[in-house]
C-alpha atoms as a PDB file:
ATOM      1  CA  MET A   1      57.596  -4.311  23.976  1.00  0.00           C
ATOM      2  CA  ARG A   2      59.934  -3.553  21.083  1.00  0.00           C
ATOM      3  CA  ALA A   3      60.503  -5.909  18.164  1.00  0.00           C
ATOM      4  CA  GLN A   4      63.672  -6.770  16.287  1.00  0.00           C
ATOM      5  CA  HIS A   5      63.561  -8.496  12.898  1.00  0.00           C
ATOM      6  CA  TRP A   6      66.443 -10.292  11.241  1.00  0.00           C
ATOM      7  CA  TRP A   7      67.237 -13.246   9.031  1.00  0.00           C
ATOM      8  CA  SER A   8      68.611 -16.137  11.015  1.00  0.00           C
ATOM      9  CA  GLY A   9      71.925 -17.195   9.592  1.00  0.00           C
ATOM     10  CA  ARG A  10      73.862 -19.659  11.732  1.00  0.00           C
ATOM     11  CA  SER A  11      74.136 -22.715   9.531  1.00  0.00           C
ATOM     12  CA  THR A  12      76.925 -24.720   7.985  1.00  0.00           C
ATOM     13  CA  LYS A  13      75.121 -24.856   4.668  1.00  0.00           C
ATOM     14  CA  SER A  14      72.731 -22.585   2.813  1.00  0.00           C
ATOM     15  CA  THR A  15      69.496 -23.927   1.329  1.00  0.00           C
ATOM     16  CA  ALA A  16      66.300 -22.370   0.044  1.00  0.00           C
ATOM     17  CA  SER A  17      64.555 -23.145   3.317  1.00  0.00           C
ATOM     18  CA  THR A  18      67.274 -21.847   5.626  1.00  0.00           C
ATOM     19  CA  ARG A  19      67.534 -18.628   3.652  1.00  0.00           C
ATOM     20  CA  SER A  20      63.770 -18.097   4.058  1.00  0.00           C
ATOM     21  CA  THR A  21      63.776 -18.597   7.835  1.00  0.00           C
ATOM     22  CA  ARG A  22      63.899 -15.591  10.126  1.00  0.00           C
ATOM     23  CA  SER A  23      63.073 -14.724  13.692  1.00  0.00           C
ATOM     24  CA  ILE A  24      61.266 -11.792  15.262  1.00  0.00           C
ATOM     25  CA  ARG A  25      62.256 -10.989  18.834  1.00  0.00           C
ATOM     26  CA  TYR A  26      60.128  -8.965  21.214  1.00  0.00           C
ATOM     27  CA  TRP A  27      62.005  -7.470  24.164  1.00  0.00           C
ATOM     28  CA  GLY A  28      60.298  -5.904  27.145  1.00  0.00           C
ATOM     29  CA  HIS A  29      60.882  -4.959  30.759  1.00  0.00           C
ATOM     30  CA  GLY A  30      59.167  -7.910  32.352  1.00  0.00           C
ATOM     31  CA  GLU A  31      59.966 -10.067  35.327  1.00  0.00           C
ATOM     32  CA  ARG A  32      63.455 -11.455  35.893  1.00  0.00           C
ATOM     33  CA  GLY A  33      63.640 -15.230  36.044  1.00  0.00           C
ATOM     34  CA  LEU A  34      60.953 -16.004  33.468  1.00  0.00           C
ATOM     35  CA  ALA A  35      62.243 -18.116  30.613  1.00  0.00           C
ATOM     36  CA  PRO A  36      62.358 -17.009  26.963  1.00  0.00           C
ATOM     37  CA  VAL A  37      59.369 -18.215  24.928  1.00  0.00           C
ATOM     38  CA  LEU A  38      59.756 -19.287  21.303  1.00  0.00           C
ATOM     39  CA  PHE A  39      56.805 -19.654  18.916  1.00  0.00           C
ATOM     40  CA  VAL A  40      56.571 -21.678  15.688  1.00  0.00           C
ATOM     41  CA  HIS A  41      53.540 -21.072  13.450  1.00  0.00           C
ATOM     42  CA  GLY A  42      51.900 -23.692  11.258  1.00  0.00           C
ATOM     43  CA  TYR A  43      51.794 -24.522   7.558  1.00  0.00           C
ATOM     44  CA  CYS A  44      51.236 -21.317   5.558  1.00  0.00           C
ATOM     45  CA  GLY A  45      50.756 -19.430   8.815  1.00  0.00           C
ATOM     46  CA  THR A  46      52.439 -16.251  10.056  1.00  0.00           C
ATOM     47  CA  GLU A  47      53.669 -14.944  13.387  1.00  0.00           C
ATOM     48  CA  ARG A  48      50.469 -12.893  13.662  1.00  0.00           C
ATOM     49  CA  VAL A  49      48.690 -15.990  14.914  1.00  0.00           C
ATOM     50  CA  TRP A  50      50.475 -15.459  18.228  1.00  0.00           C
ATOM     51  CA  ALA A  51      49.305 -11.873  18.868  1.00  0.00           C
ATOM     52  CA  PRO A  52      46.764 -12.630  21.667  1.00  0.00           C
ATOM     53  CA  LEU A  53      49.061 -15.115  23.411  1.00  0.00           C
ATOM     54  CA  ARG A  54      52.078 -12.852  23.033  1.00  0.00           C
ATOM     55  CA  ALA A  55      50.147  -9.968  24.605  1.00  0.00           C
ATOM     56  CA  ALA A  56      49.033 -12.157  27.509  1.00  0.00           C
ATOM     57  CA  LEU A  57      52.550 -13.445  28.140  1.00  0.00           C
ATOM     58  CA  THR A  58      53.929  -9.908  28.058  1.00  0.00           C
ATOM     59  CA  ALA A  59      51.316  -8.817  30.578  1.00  0.00           C
ATOM     60  CA  ALA A  60      52.311 -11.770  32.782  1.00  0.00           C
ATOM     61  CA  GLY A  61      55.942 -10.616  32.827  1.00  0.00           C
ATOM     62  CA  PHE A  62      57.640 -12.642  30.101  1.00  0.00           C
ATOM     63  CA  ASN A  63      60.131 -10.270  28.478  1.00  0.00           C
ATOM     64  CA  CYS A  64      61.836 -12.336  25.771  1.00  0.00           C
ATOM     65  CA  LEU A  65      59.428 -13.661  23.131  1.00  0.00           C
ATOM     66  CA  ILE A  66      60.704 -14.985  19.812  1.00  0.00           C
ATOM     67  CA  SER A  67      58.640 -15.908  16.755  1.00  0.00           C
ATOM     68  CA  LEU A  68      60.267 -18.219  14.231  1.00  0.00           C
ATOM     69  CA  CYS A  69      59.047 -17.501  10.677  1.00  0.00           C
ATOM     70  CA  TYR A  70      59.590 -19.753   7.673  1.00  0.00           C
ATOM     71  CA  ASN A  71      58.351 -20.643   4.199  1.00  0.00           C
ATOM     72  CA  ALA A  72      56.311 -23.821   4.656  1.00  0.00           C
ATOM     73  CA  VAL A  73      56.413 -24.759   0.967  1.00  0.00           C
ATOM     74  CA  THR A  74      60.209 -24.818   0.725  1.00  0.00           C
ATOM     75  CA  SER A  75      60.966 -25.970   4.288  1.00  0.00           C
ATOM     76  CA  ASP A  76      61.672 -29.381   5.738  1.00  0.00           C
ATOM     77  CA  VAL A  77      60.612 -29.950   9.361  1.00  0.00           C
ATOM     78  CA  ARG A  78      64.114 -31.047  10.339  1.00  0.00           C
ATOM     79  CA  GLU A  79      65.681 -27.881   8.935  1.00  0.00           C
ATOM     80  CA  ILE A  80      63.150 -25.668  10.722  1.00  0.00           C
ATOM     81  CA  ALA A  81      63.854 -27.589  13.929  1.00  0.00           C
ATOM     82  CA  ASP A  82      67.562 -26.894  13.534  1.00  0.00           C
ATOM     83  CA  ARG A  83      66.721 -23.189  13.339  1.00  0.00           C
ATOM     84  CA  LEU A  84      64.573 -23.472  16.434  1.00  0.00           C
ATOM     85  CA  VAL A  85      67.447 -25.103  18.322  1.00  0.00           C
ATOM     86  CA  ASP A  86      69.796 -22.345  17.182  1.00  0.00           C
ATOM     87  CA  GLU A  87      67.404 -19.555  18.194  1.00  0.00           C
ATOM     88  CA  SER A  88      66.748 -21.229  21.558  1.00  0.00           C
ATOM     89  CA  ARG A  89      70.432 -21.403  22.370  1.00  0.00           C
ATOM     90  CA  ARG A  90      70.927 -17.790  21.321  1.00  0.00           C
ATOM     91  CA  ALA A  91      68.057 -16.787  23.627  1.00  0.00           C
ATOM     92  CA  LEU A  92      69.587 -18.701  26.538  1.00  0.00           C
ATOM     93  CA  GLU A  93      72.912 -17.023  25.935  1.00  0.00           C
ATOM     94  CA  ALA A  94      71.378 -13.552  25.647  1.00  0.00           C
ATOM     95  CA  THR A  95      69.209 -13.808  28.776  1.00  0.00           C
ATOM     96  CA  GLY A  96      71.219 -16.100  31.018  1.00  0.00           C
ATOM     97  CA  ALA A  97      68.127 -18.262  31.526  1.00  0.00           C
ATOM     98  CA  GLY A  98      68.425 -21.968  32.215  1.00  0.00           C
ATOM     99  CA  LYS A  99      65.596 -23.108  29.971  1.00  0.00           C
ATOM    100  CA  VAL A 100      63.240 -21.969  27.229  1.00  0.00           C
ATOM    101  CA  HIS A 101      59.560 -22.630  26.624  1.00  0.00           C
ATOM    102  CA  LEU A 102      58.490 -23.753  23.138  1.00  0.00           C
ATOM    103  CA  ILE A 103      55.034 -23.313  21.587  1.00  0.00           C
ATOM    104  CA  GLY A 104      54.039 -24.676  18.183  1.00  0.00           C
ATOM    105  CA  HIS A 105      50.761 -24.521  16.269  1.00  0.00           C
ATOM    106  CA  SER A 106      49.881 -27.336  13.831  1.00  0.00           C
ATOM    107  CA  LEU A 107      53.054 -28.070  11.809  1.00  0.00           C
ATOM    108  CA  GLY A 108      54.929 -25.906  14.322  1.00  0.00           C
ATOM    109  CA  GLY A 109      54.205 -28.493  17.003  1.00  0.00           C
ATOM    110  CA  LEU A 110      56.030 -31.125  14.945  1.00  0.00           C
ATOM    111  CA  VAL A 111      58.965 -28.737  14.698  1.00  0.00           C
ATOM    112  CA  VAL A 112      58.937 -28.429  18.490  1.00  0.00           C
ATOM    113  CA  ARG A 113      58.873 -32.210  18.940  1.00  0.00           C
ATOM    114  CA  GLU A 114      61.680 -32.721  16.438  1.00  0.00           C
ATOM    115  CA  ALA A 115      63.815 -30.078  18.174  1.00  0.00           C
ATOM    116  CA  VAL A 116      63.205 -31.531  21.638  1.00  0.00           C
ATOM    117  CA  GLN A 117      63.248 -35.252  20.930  1.00  0.00           C
ATOM    118  CA  ARG A 118      65.745 -35.569  18.108  1.00  0.00           C
ATOM    119  CA  ARG A 119      67.805 -32.349  17.924  1.00  0.00           C
ATOM    120  CA  GLY A 120      69.185 -32.118  21.446  1.00  0.00           C
ATOM    121  CA  LEU A 121      66.902 -29.466  22.972  1.00  0.00           C
ATOM    122  CA  ALA A 122      65.262 -31.673  25.628  1.00  0.00           C
ATOM    123  CA  GLY A 123      67.574 -30.613  28.449  1.00  0.00           C
ATOM    124  CA  SER A 124      67.125 -26.912  27.689  1.00  0.00           C
ATOM    125  CA  THR A 125      63.315 -26.913  27.446  1.00  0.00           C
ATOM    126  CA  GLY A 126      61.086 -26.320  30.447  1.00  0.00           C
ATOM    127  CA  THR A 127      57.689 -26.607  28.747  1.00  0.00           C
ATOM    128  CA  ALA A 128      56.809 -27.766  25.234  1.00  0.00           C
ATOM    129  CA  VAL A 129      53.332 -26.801  24.008  1.00  0.00           C
ATOM    130  CA  THR A 130      51.745 -28.260  20.873  1.00  0.00           C
ATOM    131  CA  ILE A 131      48.475 -26.793  19.621  1.00  0.00           C
ATOM    132  CA  ALA A 132      46.312 -28.597  17.032  1.00  0.00           C
ATOM    133  CA  THR A 133      49.380 -30.541  15.932  1.00  0.00           C
ATOM    134  CA  PRO A 134      49.057 -33.576  13.622  1.00  0.00           C
ATOM    135  CA  HIS A 135      51.285 -35.912  15.643  1.00  0.00           C
ATOM    136  CA  GLY A 136      49.680 -38.811  13.785  1.00  0.00           C
ATOM    137  CA  GLY A 137      49.278 -36.923  10.503  1.00  0.00           C
ATOM    138  CA  THR A 138      46.375 -35.227   8.755  1.00  0.00           C
ATOM    139  CA  TRP A 139      44.522 -36.073   5.549  1.00  0.00           C
ATOM    140  CA  VAL A 140      44.653 -32.406   4.491  1.00  0.00           C
ATOM    141  CA  ALA A 141      48.414 -32.717   3.989  1.00  0.00           C
ATOM    142  CA  ARG A 142      47.877 -34.650   0.755  1.00  0.00           C
ATOM    143  CA  PHE A 143      46.832 -31.367  -0.858  1.00  0.00           C
ATOM    144  CA  GLY A 144      49.827 -29.414   0.426  1.00  0.00           C
ATOM    145  CA  LEU A 145      53.038 -28.598  -1.407  1.00  0.00           C
ATOM    146  CA  GLY A 146      56.620 -29.068  -0.301  1.00  0.00           C
ATOM    147  CA  PRO A 147      58.524 -31.432   1.976  1.00  0.00           C
ATOM    148  CA  SER A 148      56.797 -30.405   5.208  1.00  0.00           C
ATOM    149  CA  ALA A 149      53.371 -31.233   3.757  1.00  0.00           C
ATOM    150  CA  ARG A 150      54.600 -34.688   2.784  1.00  0.00           C
ATOM    151  CA  GLN A 151      55.970 -35.159   6.297  1.00  0.00           C
ATOM    152  CA  MET A 152      52.521 -34.447   7.780  1.00  0.00           C
ATOM    153  CA  ARG A 153      50.813 -37.210   5.811  1.00  0.00           C
ATOM    154  CA  PRO A 154      49.682 -40.174   7.938  1.00  0.00           C
ATOM    155  CA  GLY A 155      52.249 -42.970   7.843  1.00  0.00           C
ATOM    156  CA  SER A 156      55.110 -40.782   6.567  1.00  0.00           C
ATOM    157  CA  ASP A 157      58.643 -41.870   7.399  1.00  0.00           C
ATOM    158  CA  PHE A 158      59.111 -38.654   9.357  1.00  0.00           C
ATOM    159  CA  LEU A 159      56.080 -39.234  11.609  1.00  0.00           C
ATOM    160  CA  ASN A 160      57.012 -42.878  12.134  1.00  0.00           C
ATOM    161  CA  GLU A 161      60.535 -41.920  13.198  1.00  0.00           C
ATOM    162  CA  LEU A 162      59.267 -39.152  15.466  1.00  0.00           C
ATOM    163  CA  GLY A 163      56.741 -41.491  17.043  1.00  0.00           C
ATOM    164  CA  ARG A 164      59.471 -43.895  18.093  1.00  0.00           C
ATOM    165  CA  ALA A 165      61.131 -41.220  20.259  1.00  0.00           C
ATOM    166  CA  ALA A 166      60.044 -40.954  23.900  1.00  0.00           C
ATOM    167  CA  LEU A 167      57.432 -38.223  24.202  1.00  0.00           C
ATOM    168  CA  SER A 168      58.067 -37.611  27.896  1.00  0.00           C
ATOM    169  CA  ALA A 169      61.824 -37.116  27.545  1.00  0.00           C
ATOM    170  CA  GLY A 170      62.952 -33.743  28.900  1.00  0.00           C
ATOM    171  CA  PRO A 171      60.273 -31.069  29.321  1.00  0.00           C
ATOM    172  CA  ARG A 172      56.742 -30.933  30.596  1.00  0.00           C
ATOM    173  CA  TRP A 173      54.421 -31.342  27.600  1.00  0.00           C
ATOM    174  CA  VAL A 174      51.136 -29.489  27.108  1.00  0.00           C
ATOM    175  CA  MET A 175      49.002 -30.662  24.177  1.00  0.00           C
ATOM    176  CA  LEU A 176      45.860 -28.842  23.061  1.00  0.00           C
ATOM    177  CA  HIS A 177      43.200 -29.682  20.487  1.00  0.00           C
ATOM    178  CA  GLY A 178      39.917 -27.954  19.703  1.00  0.00           C
ATOM    179  CA  GLY A 179      36.658 -29.826  19.563  1.00  0.00           C
ATOM    180  CA  SER A 180      35.718 -27.947  16.382  1.00  0.00           C
ATOM    181  CA  ASP A 181      38.978 -28.742  14.564  1.00  0.00           C
ATOM    182  CA  ARG A 182      38.207 -30.182  11.104  1.00  0.00           C
ATOM    183  CA  VAL A 183      41.836 -30.364   9.967  1.00  0.00           C
ATOM    184  CA  VAL A 184      43.522 -32.513  12.601  1.00  0.00           C
ATOM    185  CA  PRO A 185      41.555 -35.383  14.214  1.00  0.00           C
ATOM    186  CA  ALA A 186      41.600 -35.651  18.006  1.00  0.00           C
ATOM    187  CA  ASN A 187      43.506 -38.949  18.075  1.00  0.00           C
ATOM    188  CA  SER A 188      46.244 -37.358  15.978  1.00  0.00           C
ATOM    189  CA  ALA A 189      46.509 -34.107  17.951  1.00  0.00           C
ATOM    190  CA  ILE A 190      46.892 -35.779  21.342  1.00  0.00           C
ATOM    191  CA  PRO A 191      48.883 -39.031  21.308  1.00  0.00           C
ATOM    192  CA  GLU A 192      48.166 -41.581  24.015  1.00  0.00           C
ATOM    193  CA  SER A 193      50.399 -41.193  27.052  1.00  0.00           C
ATOM    194  CA  ASP A 194      50.141 -42.135  30.703  1.00  0.00           C
ATOM    195  CA  ASP A 195      53.087 -39.991  31.692  1.00  0.00           C
ATOM    196  CA  SER A 196      52.349 -37.375  34.357  1.00  0.00           C
ATOM    197  CA  ARG A 197      54.499 -34.849  32.456  1.00  0.00           C
ATOM    198  CA  VAL A 198      52.017 -34.819  29.559  1.00  0.00           C
ATOM    199  CA  ILE A 199      49.018 -32.514  30.075  1.00  0.00           C
ATOM    200  CA  THR A 200      46.135 -32.457  27.598  1.00  0.00           C
ATOM    201  CA  LEU A 201      43.481 -29.769  27.107  1.00  0.00           C
ATOM    202  CA  ARG A 202      40.461 -29.897  24.755  1.00  0.00           C
ATOM    203  CA  PRO A 203      38.443 -26.654  24.457  1.00  0.00           C
ATOM    204  CA  ALA A 204      35.195 -27.792  22.835  1.00  0.00           C
ATOM    205  CA  ASP A 205      34.482 -24.676  20.763  1.00  0.00           C
ATOM    206  CA  ALA A 206      37.968 -24.060  19.323  1.00  0.00           C
ATOM    207  CA  GLY A 207      38.748 -24.625  15.646  1.00  0.00           C
ATOM    208  CA  HIS A 208      42.052 -25.381  13.972  1.00  0.00           C
ATOM    209  CA  ARG A 209      42.985 -21.741  13.389  1.00  0.00           C
ATOM    210  CA  SER A 210      40.926 -20.047  16.093  1.00  0.00           C
ATOM    211  CA  ILE A 211      42.429 -22.116  18.896  1.00  0.00           C
ATOM    212  CA  THR A 212      45.518 -19.917  19.244  1.00  0.00           C
ATOM    213  CA  ARG A 213      43.356 -16.928  20.184  1.00  0.00           C
ATOM    214  CA  HIS A 214      40.818 -18.859  22.254  1.00  0.00           C
ATOM    215  CA  ALA A 215      40.608 -17.210  25.679  1.00  0.00           C
ATOM    216  CA  ASP A 216      40.775 -20.476  27.645  1.00  0.00           C
ATOM    217  CA  VAL A 217      43.751 -21.670  25.620  1.00  0.00           C
ATOM    218  CA  VAL A 218      45.661 -18.418  26.087  1.00  0.00           C
ATOM    219  CA  ARG A 219      44.911 -18.417  29.813  1.00  0.00           C
ATOM    220  CA  SER A 220      45.919 -22.062  30.225  1.00  0.00           C
ATOM    221  CA  ILE A 221      49.227 -21.642  28.437  1.00  0.00           C
ATOM    222  CA  VAL A 222      50.170 -18.551  30.456  1.00  0.00           C
ATOM    223  CA  THR A 223      49.299 -20.396  33.670  1.00  0.00           C
ATOM    224  CA  GLU A 224      51.373 -23.435  32.707  1.00  0.00           C
ATOM    225  CA  LEU A 225      54.433 -21.359  31.823  1.00  0.00           C
ATOM    226  CA  LEU A 226      54.195 -19.327  35.026  1.00  0.00           C
ATOM    227  CA  HIS A 227      53.814 -22.551  36.988  1.00  0.00           C
ATOM    228  CA  ALA A 228      57.019 -23.835  35.416  1.00  0.00           C
ATOM    229  CA  ASP A 229      59.009 -20.680  36.196  1.00  0.00           C
ATOM    230  CA  ARG A 230      57.680 -19.592  39.594  1.00  0.00           C
ATOM    231  CA  PRO A 231      57.574 -21.386  42.937  1.00  0.00           C
ATOM    232  CA  ALA A 232      54.011 -22.286  43.887  1.00  0.00           C
ATOM    233  CA  PRO A 233      53.620 -19.614  46.627  1.00  0.00           C
ATOM    234  CA  GLU A 234      54.634 -16.871  44.183  1.00  0.00           C
ATOM    235  CA  LEU A 235      52.179 -18.127  41.574  1.00  0.00           C
ATOM    236  CA  LEU A 236      49.321 -18.181  44.076  1.00  0.00           C
ATOM    237  CA  ALA A 237      50.140 -14.659  45.169  1.00  0.00           C
ATOM    238  CA  ALA A 238      50.236 -13.280  41.574  1.00  0.00           C
END
């Protein structure tokens, strides 16, 4: 799978955060009909966190994988979400697919929720995956710098506004949290929901950073995305 790197630049205004946002696209010769997958890393993370999952998705036939990269200290969640929306629409246009799948780790999960629930991406998203995401905030954010850290603090205006939006609107949601996570508490990572479109997974031995390369997590995400894109008989025969 070959990679293309470029600075993302479709915006009506230029700010420090938009200038420091870029995407890395991985193109392969996988299976036709599988949706593009877009990844958003967490606070002070990098796209390398997705290496095991990206390899597994490539092996499963997904041939358009896009990692959104940004500077967490200078970035606002809403601005990153706008970039995610832009990249998603570009991927749909380039591939002819009907929907995308979105995967966010930690802060990246908030970006995914903002893009889906408040930035118009609900109808174009098949599956939205949040991994170790502080939906209800995290105490660690008080030590962080920049607007996105302030937005992750419990009780922030951003989290309160996001919480008022319907979680089940649009895609199928998959929410994961590790039992060994010491950064995001369990009740923050997986909000209460009785909706059948919200699936929750809790690998007991996964930590906040290690969860993205946890074998059960990688396997579960690949299975969920294949389930969304393939008819059941095809999935069983794979």
